[in-house]
C-alpha atoms as a PDB file:
ATOM      1  CA  MET A   1     -11.250  -9.908 -14.927  1.00  0.00           C
ATOM      2  CA  ASP A   2      -8.190 -11.445 -16.623  1.00  0.00           C
ATOM      3  CA  ARG A   3      -7.154 -14.834 -15.324  1.00  0.00           C
ATOM      4  CA  LEU A   4      -3.880 -14.483 -13.424  1.00  0.00           C
ATOM      5  CA  SER A   5      -0.879 -16.678 -14.156  1.00  0.00           C
ATOM      6  CA  THR A   6       0.673 -18.045 -10.952  1.00  0.00           C
ATOM      7  CA  LYS A   7       3.900 -19.804 -10.129  1.00  0.00           C
ATOM      8  CA  LEU A   8       3.951 -22.518  -7.490  1.00  0.00           C
ATOM      9  CA  ASN A   9       6.437 -23.067  -4.659  1.00  0.00           C
ATOM     10  CA  THR A  10       7.578 -19.461  -4.563  1.00  0.00           C
ATOM     11  CA  VAL A  11      10.657 -18.868  -2.450  1.00  0.00           C
ATOM     12  CA  CYS A  12      10.716 -15.801  -0.182  1.00  0.00           C
ATOM     13  CA  ASN A  13      10.973 -12.693  -2.378  1.00  0.00           C
ATOM     14  CA  TYR A  14      13.106 -11.049   0.297  1.00  0.00           C
ATOM     15  CA  CYS A  15      15.714 -13.566   1.475  1.00  0.00           C
ATOM     16  CA  GLY A  16      15.316 -16.430  -1.027  1.00  0.00           C
ATOM     17  CA  SER A  17      14.504 -19.128   1.534  1.00  0.00           C
ATOM     18  CA  GLY A  18      12.075 -21.858   0.489  1.00  0.00           C
ATOM     19  CA  VAL A  19      11.149 -22.857   4.061  1.00  0.00           C
ATOM     20  CA  TYR A  20       7.910 -21.365   5.343  1.00  0.00           C
ATOM     21  CA  THR A  21       4.799 -21.893   7.456  1.00  0.00           C
ATOM     22  CA  PRO A  22       1.255 -21.172   6.155  1.00  0.00           C
ATOM     23  CA  VAL A  23      -0.361 -18.268   8.025  1.00  0.00           C
ATOM     24  CA  ILE A  24      -3.701 -17.404   6.432  1.00  0.00           C
ATOM     25  CA  THR A  25      -5.763 -18.283   3.336  1.00  0.00           C
ATOM     26  CA  SER A  26      -8.207 -15.820   1.823  1.00  0.00           C
ATOM     27  CA  LYS A  27     -10.228 -14.993  -1.267  1.00  0.00           C
ATOM     28  CA  ASP A  28      -9.877 -11.686  -3.098  1.00  0.00           C
ATOM     29  CA  PRO A  29     -12.554  -9.578  -1.343  1.00  0.00           C
ATOM     30  CA  SER A  30     -12.410  -6.550  -3.631  1.00  0.00           C
ATOM     31  CA  PHE A  31     -12.064  -7.618  -7.259  1.00  0.00           C
ATOM     32  CA  HIS A  32     -12.639 -11.359  -7.028  1.00  0.00           C
ATOM     33  CA  ALA A  33      -9.537 -12.788  -8.683  1.00  0.00           C
ATOM     34  CA  GLU A  34     -10.108 -16.529  -9.016  1.00  0.00           C
ATOM     35  CA  GLY A  35      -9.343 -19.026  -6.273  1.00  0.00           C
ATOM     36  CA  ASN A  36      -7.969 -18.987  -2.745  1.00  0.00           C
ATOM     37  CA  TRP A  37      -4.720 -17.221  -1.893  1.00  0.00           C
ATOM     38  CA  THR A  38      -2.351 -18.180   0.913  1.00  0.00           C
ATOM     39  CA  TYR A  39       0.100 -16.065   2.897  1.00  0.00           C
ATOM     40  CA  VAL A  40       3.051 -17.832   4.480  1.00  0.00           C
ATOM     41  CA  LYS A  41       5.697 -16.792   6.995  1.00  0.00           C
ATOM     42  CA  CYS A  42       9.318 -17.225   5.955  1.00  0.00           C
ATOM     43  CA  SER A  43      11.148 -19.402   8.499  1.00  0.00           C
ATOM     44  CA  LYS A  44      14.415 -17.543   7.881  1.00  0.00           C
ATOM     45  CA  CYS A  45      13.596 -13.807   7.790  1.00  0.00           C
ATOM     46  CA  GLY A  46      10.096 -13.879   9.283  1.00  0.00           C
ATOM     47  CA  LEU A  47       8.375 -11.881   6.544  1.00  0.00           C
ATOM     48  CA  ILE A  48       4.846 -12.814   5.487  1.00  0.00           C
ATOM     49  CA  TYR A  49       4.373 -13.182   1.735  1.00  0.00           C
ATOM     50  CA  LEU A  50       1.911 -14.568  -0.812  1.00  0.00           C
ATOM     51  CA  ASN A  51       2.591 -18.114  -2.010  1.00  0.00           C
ATOM     52  CA  PRO A  52       1.806 -19.025  -4.772  1.00  0.00           C
ATOM     53  CA  GLN A  53       1.734 -15.597  -6.369  1.00  0.00           C
ATOM     54  CA  PRO A  54       1.109 -14.082  -9.808  1.00  0.00           C
ATOM     55  CA  ASP A  55       4.036 -13.399 -12.085  1.00  0.00           C
ATOM     56  CA  GLN A  56       4.998  -9.723 -12.362  1.00  0.00           C
ATOM     57  CA  ASP A  57       3.510  -9.137 -15.834  1.00  0.00           C
ATOM     58  CA  SER A  58       0.167 -10.610 -14.795  1.00  0.00           C
ATOM     59  CA  ILE A  59      -0.111  -8.575 -11.607  1.00  0.00           C
ATOM     60  CA  THR A  60       0.879  -5.324 -13.360  1.00  0.00           C
ATOM     61  CA  ARG A  61      -1.760  -5.862 -16.043  1.00  0.00           C
ATOM     62  CA  HIS A  62      -4.335  -6.957 -13.457  1.00  0.00           C
ATOM     63  CA  TYR A  63      -3.706  -3.947 -11.214  1.00  0.00           C
ATOM     64  CA  GLY A  64      -3.986  -1.515 -14.129  1.00  0.00           C
ATOM     65  CA  ASN A  65      -7.284  -3.106 -15.163  1.00  0.00           C
ATOM     66  CA  ILE A  66      -8.854  -2.961 -11.707  1.00  0.00           C
ATOM     67  CA  ARG A  67      -7.718   0.634 -11.185  1.00  0.00           C
ATOM     68  CA  ARG A  68      -9.563   1.678 -14.341  1.00  0.00           C
ATOM     69  CA  GLU A  69     -12.559  -0.483 -13.417  1.00  0.00           C
ATOM     70  CA  TYR A  70     -12.658   1.129  -9.967  1.00  0.00           C
ATOM     71  CA  LEU A  71     -12.521   4.657 -11.387  1.00  0.00           C
ATOM     72  CA  ASN A  72     -15.190   3.897 -13.974  1.00  0.00           C
ATOM     73  CA  LYS A  73     -17.461   2.263 -11.400  1.00  0.00           C
ATOM     74  CA  PHE A  74     -17.435   5.010  -8.803  1.00  0.00           C
ATOM     75  CA  GLY A  75     -16.790   8.038 -10.998  1.00  0.00           C
ATOM     76  CA  LEU A  76     -13.492   9.816 -11.566  1.00  0.00           C
ATOM     77  CA  ASN A  77     -14.542  13.154 -10.062  1.00  0.00           C
ATOM     78  CA  LEU A  78     -15.939  11.591  -6.868  1.00  0.00           C
ATOM     79  CA  ILE A  79     -12.837   9.447  -6.327  1.00  0.00           C
ATOM     80  CA  PHE A  80     -10.461  12.385  -6.821  1.00  0.00           C
ATOM     81  CA  PHE A  81     -12.515  14.592  -4.474  1.00  0.00           C
ATOM     82  CA  LEU A  82     -12.330  11.936  -1.732  1.00  0.00           C
ATOM     83  CA  LYS A  83      -8.626  11.425  -2.418  1.00  0.00           C
ATOM     84  CA  ARG A  84      -7.953  15.152  -1.987  1.00  0.00           C
ATOM     85  CA  VAL A  85      -9.712  15.075   1.377  1.00  0.00           C
ATOM     86  CA  GLN A  86      -7.613  12.047   2.375  1.00  0.00           C
ATOM     87  CA  VAL A  87      -4.378  13.727   1.294  1.00  0.00           C
ATOM     88  CA  ARG A  88      -5.167  16.854   3.301  1.00  0.00           C
ATOM     89  CA  PHE A  89      -5.859  14.988   6.521  1.00  0.00           C
ATOM     90  CA  SER A  90      -3.864  11.741   6.491  1.00  0.00           C
ATOM     91  CA  LYS A  91      -0.810  12.002   4.218  1.00  0.00           C
ATOM     92  CA  ARG A  92       1.276  14.261   6.416  1.00  0.00           C
ATOM     93  CA  ILE A  93       4.846  15.095   5.420  1.00  0.00           C
ATOM     94  CA  PRO A  94       7.380  17.693   6.626  1.00  0.00           C
ATOM     95  CA  LEU A  95       6.963  21.106   4.981  1.00  0.00           C
ATOM     96  CA  MET A  96      10.100  21.939   3.000  1.00  0.00           C
ATOM     97  CA  ARG A  97       9.535  24.613   0.375  1.00  0.00           C
ATOM     98  CA  GLY A  98      11.823  24.073  -2.595  1.00  0.00           C
ATOM     99  CA  GLY A  99      12.611  20.504  -1.550  1.00  0.00           C
ATOM    100  CA  ASN A 100      12.565  17.625  -4.021  1.00  0.00           C
ATOM    101  CA  LEU A 101       9.848  15.047  -3.354  1.00  0.00           C
ATOM    102  CA  LEU A 102       9.348  11.663  -5.051  1.00  0.00           C
ATOM    103  CA  ASP A 103       6.168   9.591  -4.726  1.00  0.00           C
ATOM    104  CA  VAL A 104       6.816   5.954  -5.650  1.00  0.00           C
ATOM    105  CA  GLY A 105       3.706   4.279  -7.071  1.00  0.00           C
ATOM    106  CA  CYS A 106       1.998   7.645  -7.498  1.00  0.00           C
ATOM    107  CA  GLY A 107      -0.884   6.444  -9.675  1.00  0.00           C
ATOM    108  CA  GLU A 108      -3.261   9.334 -10.361  1.00  0.00           C
ATOM    109  CA  ASP A 109      -3.498  10.267  -6.691  1.00  0.00           C
ATOM    110  CA  PRO A 110      -3.658  14.061  -6.098  1.00  0.00           C
ATOM    111  CA  PHE A 111      -0.896  13.841  -3.480  1.00  0.00           C
ATOM    112  CA  LEU A 112       1.743  15.234  -5.871  1.00  0.00           C
ATOM    113  CA  GLU A 113      -0.545  18.044  -6.982  1.00  0.00           C
ATOM    114  CA  VAL A 114      -1.208  19.027  -3.348  1.00  0.00           C
ATOM    115  CA  GLN A 115       2.490  18.970  -2.434  1.00  0.00           C
ATOM    116  CA  LYS A 116       3.398  21.041  -5.485  1.00  0.00           C
ATOM    117  CA  LYS A 117       1.036  23.745  -4.220  1.00  0.00           C
ATOM    118  CA  ARG A 118       2.764  23.527  -0.819  1.00  0.00           C
ATOM    119  CA  GLY A 119       6.078  24.444  -2.465  1.00  0.00           C
ATOM    120  CA  TYR A 120       7.750  21.124  -3.249  1.00  0.00           C
ATOM    121  CA  ASN A 121       9.404  20.203  -6.534  1.00  0.00           C
ATOM    122  CA  VAL A 122       7.462  16.986  -7.113  1.00  0.00           C
ATOM    123  CA  TYR A 123       8.178  13.852  -9.143  1.00  0.00           C
ATOM    124  CA  GLY A 124       6.558  10.434  -9.434  1.00  0.00           C
ATOM    125  CA  THR A 125       7.053   6.880 -10.629  1.00  0.00           C
ATOM    126  CA  ASP A 126       4.461   4.258 -11.508  1.00  0.00           C
ATOM    127  CA  VAL A 127       4.125   1.102 -13.599  1.00  0.00           C
ATOM    128  CA  ASP A 128       0.923   2.361 -15.257  1.00  0.00           C
ATOM    129  CA  LYS A 129       1.368   4.748 -18.203  1.00  0.00           C
ATOM    130  CA  THR A 130      -1.908   6.538 -17.428  1.00  0.00           C
ATOM    131  CA  ALA A 131      -0.176   8.128 -14.416  1.00  0.00           C
ATOM    132  CA  ARG A 132       2.323   9.895 -16.686  1.00  0.00           C
ATOM    133  CA  GLU A 133      -0.452  11.081 -19.004  1.00  0.00           C
ATOM    134  CA  HIS A 134      -2.479  12.378 -16.055  1.00  0.00           C
ATOM    135  CA  PHE A 135       0.349  14.383 -14.448  1.00  0.00           C
ATOM    136  CA  LYS A 136       1.814  15.676 -17.722  1.00  0.00           C
ATOM    137  CA  LYS A 137      -1.162  18.058 -17.917  1.00  0.00           C
ATOM    138  CA  LEU A 138      -0.169  19.423 -14.490  1.00  0.00           C
ATOM    139  CA  GLY A 139       3.487  19.917 -15.402  1.00  0.00           C
ATOM    140  CA  ILE A 140       4.649  17.067 -13.120  1.00  0.00           C
ATOM    141  CA  GLU A 141       7.271  14.573 -14.294  1.00  0.00           C
ATOM    142  CA  VAL A 142       6.332  10.919 -13.808  1.00  0.00           C
ATOM    143  CA  ARG A 143       8.624   8.140 -15.000  1.00  0.00           C
ATOM    144  CA  ILE A 144       7.166   4.753 -15.898  1.00  0.00           C
ATOM    145  CA  GLY A 145       8.663   1.517 -14.593  1.00  0.00           C
ATOM    146  CA  ASN A 146      10.060   0.048 -11.405  1.00  0.00           C
ATOM    147  CA  LEU A 147      12.070   2.460  -9.271  1.00  0.00           C
ATOM    148  CA  GLN A 148      15.316   0.577  -9.978  1.00  0.00           C
ATOM    149  CA  ASN A 149      14.876   1.070 -13.725  1.00  0.00           C
ATOM    150  CA  VAL A 150      13.913   4.748 -14.059  1.00  0.00           C
ATOM    151  CA  LYS A 151      17.316   6.122 -12.981  1.00  0.00           C
ATOM    152  CA  TRP A 152      16.928   9.142 -10.713  1.00  0.00           C
ATOM    153  CA  SER A 153      20.104  10.968  -9.674  1.00  0.00           C
ATOM    154  CA  LYS A 154      21.874   9.931  -6.469  1.00  0.00           C
ATOM    155  CA  ASN A 155      21.251  12.029  -3.322  1.00  0.00           C
ATOM    156  CA  PHE A 156      18.586  14.061  -5.145  1.00  0.00           C
ATOM    157  CA  PHE A 157      15.424  13.807  -3.026  1.00  0.00           C
ATOM    158  CA  ASP A 158      14.621  15.417   0.313  1.00  0.00           C
ATOM    159  CA  VAL A 159      11.507  13.283   0.791  1.00  0.00           C
ATOM    160  CA  ILE A 160      10.510   9.930  -0.728  1.00  0.00           C
ATOM    161  CA  THR A 161       7.036   8.529  -0.091  1.00  0.00           C
ATOM    162  CA  LEU A 162       5.552   5.076  -0.715  1.00  0.00           C
ATOM    163  CA  TRP A 163       1.833   5.274   0.079  1.00  0.00           C
ATOM    164  CA  HIS A 164       0.521   1.692  -0.028  1.00  0.00           C
ATOM    165  CA  THR A 165       3.112   0.677  -2.599  1.00  0.00           C
ATOM    166  CA  LEU A 166       5.630  -1.566  -0.832  1.00  0.00           C
ATOM    167  CA  GLU A 167       3.106  -4.363  -0.127  1.00  0.00           C
ATOM    168  CA  HIS A 168       2.620  -4.713  -3.918  1.00  0.00           C
ATOM    169  CA  ASP A 169       6.350  -4.939  -4.640  1.00  0.00           C
ATOM    170  CA  VAL A 170       7.825  -8.349  -5.470  1.00  0.00           C
ATOM    171  CA  LYS A 171      11.328  -6.988  -4.743  1.00  0.00           C
ATOM    172  CA  PRO A 172      10.932  -4.669  -1.736  1.00  0.00           C
ATOM    173  CA  GLN A 173      14.600  -4.898  -0.753  1.00  0.00           C
ATOM    174  CA  GLU A 174      15.731  -3.678  -4.178  1.00  0.00           C
ATOM    175  CA  THR A 175      13.240  -0.808  -4.090  1.00  0.00           C
ATOM    176  CA  LEU A 176      14.421   0.288  -0.645  1.00  0.00           C
ATOM    177  CA  LYS A 177      18.080   0.073  -1.705  1.00  0.00           C
ATOM    178  CA  GLU A 178      17.273   2.420  -4.573  1.00  0.00           C
ATOM    179  CA  CYS A 179      15.455   4.761  -2.177  1.00  0.00           C
ATOM    180  CA  TYR A 180      18.585   4.839  -0.028  1.00  0.00           C
ATOM    181  CA  LYS A 181      20.708   5.700  -3.059  1.00  0.00           C
ATOM    182  CA  ILE A 182      18.588   8.592  -4.357  1.00  0.00           C
ATOM    183  CA  LEU A 183      17.614  10.080  -0.958  1.00  0.00           C
ATOM    184  CA  LYS A 184      19.759  12.868   0.475  1.00  0.00           C
ATOM    185  CA  ASP A 185      21.701  12.080   3.654  1.00  0.00           C
ATOM    186  CA  SER A 186      19.393  14.478   5.511  1.00  0.00           C
ATOM    187  CA  GLY A 187      16.269  13.183   3.754  1.00  0.00           C
ATOM    188  CA  THR A 188      13.136  11.452   5.012  1.00  0.00           C
ATOM    189  CA  LEU A 189      11.586   8.192   3.777  1.00  0.00           C
ATOM    190  CA  ILE A 190       7.861   7.718   4.526  1.00  0.00           C
ATOM    191  CA  ILE A 191       6.181   4.342   4.004  1.00  0.00           C
ATOM    192  CA  SER A 192       2.522   3.508   4.568  1.00  0.00           C
ATOM    193  CA  VAL A 193       1.346  -0.126   4.482  1.00  0.00           C
ATOM    194  CA  PRO A 194      -1.489  -2.239   5.927  1.00  0.00           C
ATOM    195  CA  ASN A 195      -0.693  -3.394   9.464  1.00  0.00           C
ATOM    196  CA  PHE A 196      -0.879  -7.196   9.731  1.00  0.00           C
ATOM    197  CA  ASN A 197      -0.729  -6.863  13.534  1.00  0.00           C
ATOM    198  CA  SER A 198      -3.823  -4.669  13.567  1.00  0.00           C
ATOM    199  CA  LEU A 199      -6.791  -5.351  15.826  1.00  0.00           C
ATOM    200  CA  GLU A 200      -9.013  -5.364  12.755  1.00  0.00           C
ATOM    201  CA  ARG A 201      -6.979  -8.139  11.104  1.00  0.00           C
ATOM    202  CA  LYS A 202      -7.005 -10.213  14.293  1.00  0.00           C
ATOM    203  CA  ILE A 203     -10.800  -9.916  14.572  1.00  0.00           C
ATOM    204  CA  PHE A 204     -11.692 -10.539  10.917  1.00  0.00           C
ATOM    205  CA  ASN A 205      -8.708 -12.749  10.008  1.00  0.00           C
ATOM    206  CA  GLU A 206      -9.178 -14.071   6.432  1.00  0.00           C
ATOM    207  CA  HIS A 207     -12.006 -11.553   5.866  1.00  0.00           C
ATOM    208  CA  TRP A 208      -9.791  -8.515   6.558  1.00  0.00           C
ATOM    209  CA  ILE A 209     -10.251  -6.150   3.627  1.00  0.00           C
ATOM    210  CA  TYR A 210      -6.563  -5.190   3.581  1.00  0.00           C
ATOM    211  CA  LEU A 211      -5.309  -8.718   2.925  1.00  0.00           C
ATOM    212  CA  SER A 212      -6.296  -7.967  -0.665  1.00  0.00           C
ATOM    213  CA  PRO A 213      -4.648 -10.910  -2.435  1.00  0.00           C
ATOM    214  CA  PRO A 214      -3.236 -11.275  -5.020  1.00  0.00           C
ATOM    215  CA  ARG A 215      -2.303  -7.590  -5.277  1.00  0.00           C
ATOM    216  CA  HIS A 216      -0.650  -7.468  -1.844  1.00  0.00           C
ATOM    217  CA  ILE A 217       2.441  -9.646  -2.125  1.00  0.00           C
ATOM    218  CA  PHE A 218       3.726  -8.856   1.394  1.00  0.00           C
ATOM    219  CA  GLN A 219       2.014  -8.280   4.734  1.00  0.00           C
ATOM    220  CA  PHE A 220       4.055  -6.130   7.109  1.00  0.00           C
ATOM    221  CA  THR A 221       4.112  -5.590  10.870  1.00  0.00           C
ATOM    222  CA  PRO A 222       5.901  -2.690  12.641  1.00  0.00           C
ATOM    223  CA  GLU A 223       8.724  -5.085  13.531  1.00  0.00           C
ATOM    224  CA  SER A 224       9.148  -6.675  10.116  1.00  0.00           C
ATOM    225  CA  LEU A 225       9.070  -3.352   8.265  1.00  0.00           C
ATOM    226  CA  SER A 226      11.631  -1.876  10.661  1.00  0.00           C
ATOM    227  CA  LYS A 227      13.871  -4.915  10.063  1.00  0.00           C
ATOM    228  CA  VAL A 228      13.645  -4.588   6.277  1.00  0.00           C
ATOM    229  CA  LEU A 229      14.533  -0.895   6.500  1.00  0.00           C
ATOM    230  CA  ALA A 230      17.436  -1.537   8.880  1.00  0.00           C
ATOM    231  CA  ASP A 231      18.852  -4.162   6.516  1.00  0.00           C
ATOM    232  CA  VAL A 232      19.323  -1.544   3.785  1.00  0.00           C
ATOM    233  CA  GLY A 233      20.668   1.200   6.069  1.00  0.00           C
ATOM    234  CA  PHE A 234      17.633   3.094   7.358  1.00  0.00           C
ATOM    235  CA  ARG A 235      16.678   3.935  10.932  1.00  0.00           C
ATOM    236  CA  VAL A 236      12.995   4.223  11.855  1.00  0.00           C
ATOM    237  CA  TYR A 237      12.475   7.309  14.025  1.00  0.00           C
ATOM    238  CA  LYS A 238       8.666   7.480  14.096  1.00  0.00           C
ATOM    239  CA  VAL A 239       5.749   5.051  13.712  1.00  0.00           C
ATOM    240  CA  LYS A 240       2.177   6.318  13.349  1.00  0.00           C
ATOM    241  CA  TYR A 241      -1.210   4.634  13.113  1.00  0.00           C
ATOM    242  CA  PRO A 242      -3.474   6.982  11.114  1.00  0.00           C
ATOM    243  CA  GLY A 243      -6.533   7.399  13.295  1.00  0.00           C
ATOM    244  CA  PHE A 244      -9.756   7.638  11.311  1.00  0.00           C
ATOM    245  CA  SER A 245     -10.503   4.707   8.984  1.00  0.00           C
ATOM    246  CA  PRO A 246     -13.922   3.295   9.997  1.00  0.00           C
ATOM    247  CA  GLN A 247     -14.606   2.444   6.359  1.00  0.00           C
ATOM    248  CA  LEU A 248     -12.019  -0.344   6.608  1.00  0.00           C
ATOM    249  CA  TRP A 249     -13.731  -1.893   9.615  1.00  0.00           C
ATOM    250  CA  ALA A 250     -17.104  -1.627   7.900  1.00  0.00           C
ATOM    251  CA  ARG A 251     -15.843  -3.187   4.687  1.00  0.00           C
ATOM    252  CA  SER A 252     -14.171  -6.061   6.551  1.00  0.00           C
ATOM    253  CA  PHE A 253     -17.446  -6.775   8.338  1.00  0.00           C
ATOM    254  CA  LEU A 254     -19.320  -6.772   5.021  1.00  0.00           C
ATOM    255  CA  VAL A 255     -16.737  -9.133   3.491  1.00  0.00           C
ATOM    256  CA  PHE A 256     -17.307 -11.461   6.455  1.00  0.00           C
ATOM    257  CA  LEU A 257     -21.079 -11.407   5.856  1.00  0.00           C
ATOM    258  CA  GLU A 258     -20.763 -11.865   2.087  1.00  0.00           C
ATOM    259  CA  GLU A 259     -18.309 -14.754   2.260  1.00  0.00           C
ATOM    260  CA  ARG A 260     -20.535 -16.461   4.816  1.00  0.00           C
ATOM    261  CA  LYS A 261     -23.336 -15.969   2.240  1.00  0.00           C
ATOM    262  CA  LEU A 262     -25.427 -14.091   4.802  1.00  0.00           C
ATOM    263  CA  ILE A 263     -25.964 -11.162   2.423  1.00  0.00           C
ATOM    264  CA  LYS A 264     -25.441 -10.371  -1.250  1.00  0.00           C
ATOM    265  CA  LEU A 265     -24.411  -6.843  -2.182  1.00  0.00           C
ATOM    266  CA  ASN A 266     -23.867  -4.743  -5.277  1.00  0.00           C
ATOM    267  CA  SER A 267     -21.612  -1.678  -5.380  1.00  0.00           C
ATOM    268  CA  ILE A 268     -24.402   0.741  -4.377  1.00  0.00           C
ATOM    269  CA  SER A 269     -25.696  -1.310  -1.438  1.00  0.00           C
ATOM    270  CA  ARG A 270     -22.122  -1.904  -0.289  1.00  0.00           C
ATOM    271  CA  ILE A 271     -21.451   1.844  -0.103  1.00  0.00           C
ATOM    272  CA  PHE A 272     -24.781   2.435   1.661  1.00  0.00           C
ATOM    273  CA  LEU A 273     -24.180  -0.246   4.308  1.00  0.00           C
ATOM    274  CA  THR A 274     -20.615   0.958   4.835  1.00  0.00           C
ATOM    275  CA  LEU A 275     -22.003   4.368   5.796  1.00  0.00           C
ATOM    276  CA  VAL A 276     -24.727   2.809   7.969  1.00  0.00           C
ATOM    277  CA  LEU A 277     -22.095   0.855   9.913  1.00  0.00           C
ATOM    278  CA  PHE A 278     -19.956   3.916  10.679  1.00  0.00           C
ATOM    279  CA  PRO A 279     -21.481   4.684  14.127  1.00  0.00           C
ATOM    280  CA  PHE A 280     -20.912   1.081  15.213  1.00  0.00           C
ATOM    281  CA  VAL A 281     -17.322   0.691  14.016  1.00  0.00           C
ATOM    282  CA  ILE A 282     -15.938   4.134  14.911  1.00  0.00           C
ATOM    283  CA  PRO A 283     -15.442   3.116  18.595  1.00  0.00           C
ATOM    284  CA  LEU A 284     -13.454   0.039  17.475  1.00  0.00           C
ATOM    285  CA  ASN A 285     -11.425   2.226  15.154  1.00  0.00           C
ATOM    286  CA  LEU A 286     -10.586   4.642  17.985  1.00  0.00           C
ATOM    287  CA  VAL A 287      -9.684   1.847  20.415  1.00  0.00           C
ATOM    288  CA  SER A 288      -7.334   0.243  17.900  1.00  0.00           C
ATOM    289  CA  THR A 289      -5.614   3.582  17.315  1.00  0.00           C
ATOM    290  CA  LEU A 290      -5.155   4.184  21.049  1.00  0.00           C
ATOM    291  CA  LEU A 291      -3.717   0.669  21.432  1.00  0.00           C
ATOM    292  CA  LYS A 292      -1.361   1.288  18.482  1.00  0.00           C
ATOM    293  CA  THR A 293      -2.947  -1.580  16.561  1.00  0.00           C
ATOM    294  CA  GLY A 294      -4.496   0.498  13.786  1.00  0.00           C
ATOM    295  CA  SER A 295      -5.265  -0.936  10.351  1.00  0.00           C
ATOM    296  CA  VAL A 296      -2.598   1.198   8.663  1.00  0.00           C
ATOM    297  CA  LEU A 297       1.040   1.614   9.586  1.00  0.00           C
ATOM    298  CA  ASP A 298       3.014   4.777   8.698  1.00  0.00           C
ATOM    299  CA  VAL A 299       6.768   4.595   9.191  1.00  0.00           C
ATOM    300  CA  TYR A 300       9.184   7.549   9.020  1.00  0.00           C
ATOM    301  CA  ALA A 301      12.833   6.672   8.460  1.00  0.00           C
ATOM    302  CA  GLU A 302      16.180   8.319   7.845  1.00  0.00           C
ATOM    303  CA  LYS A 303      19.593   7.096   6.796  1.00  0.00           C
ATOM    304  CA  LYS A 304      21.656   5.668   9.617  1.00  0.00           C
ATOM    305  CA  THR A 305      24.567   7.838  10.635  1.00  0.00           C
ATOM    306  CA  PRO A 306      27.999   6.148  10.328  1.00  0.00           C
END
């Protein structure tokens, strides 16, 4: 894995304050980027962000590399099959035949393909050029670059989705301002992020699989995400905690065991033990969902009315 360049004494990416309190320090549990990584809480706006953090060029290159490594390791066809199952059951959006839908950070996820079959006019953006190449074969337009730079028309989209994208964004406020600009007044914004207030995070703490430094720049809670959206003119009208994700609990438990050097796993044994742990972690998964402290946070928002 490429060594990541970092910059020290990072001010808050959101409000610019340099005053913060350390919250949690973790290693990279998934792709083993070098060193320890610390999240801090901004004393001014309250958001939790990575400090120090990689520069934007390094993280973009790093994320593209690990995406390809991940696909090569587990097999493209298997990953896309599992993704299609996930899209069918967890990525729920309003049905609006003929509506314009944009997926920000679309990657090569089959979400756009599925929504096109449901009747949407679909579009995507991503920082990785392979996304454009992948969707070009399916007749789907994907523009490469940050949302602010790809220039969609104002008031064009009925639905904009960010599935596990905003936590990677070094300028979330600018991205959300652009979403506001290109979303219709009657449109819906859907954001899915890891939930820092989740029961799973509180149990496993620095071993929580969804900390995922240095790729996750921000860690959001229902309150902090609602505040960020309100600041740019959105109103949250629904919050959901997608119910069935026992694999996250299992992986967090395995990270805990590995970092304590109690076991040593390769990719095959890790998958096997994840499946073995399912019966034990499913009850925890269900309890956290019922308590509204699930590992993932889905927020539905609309433009505030004047």
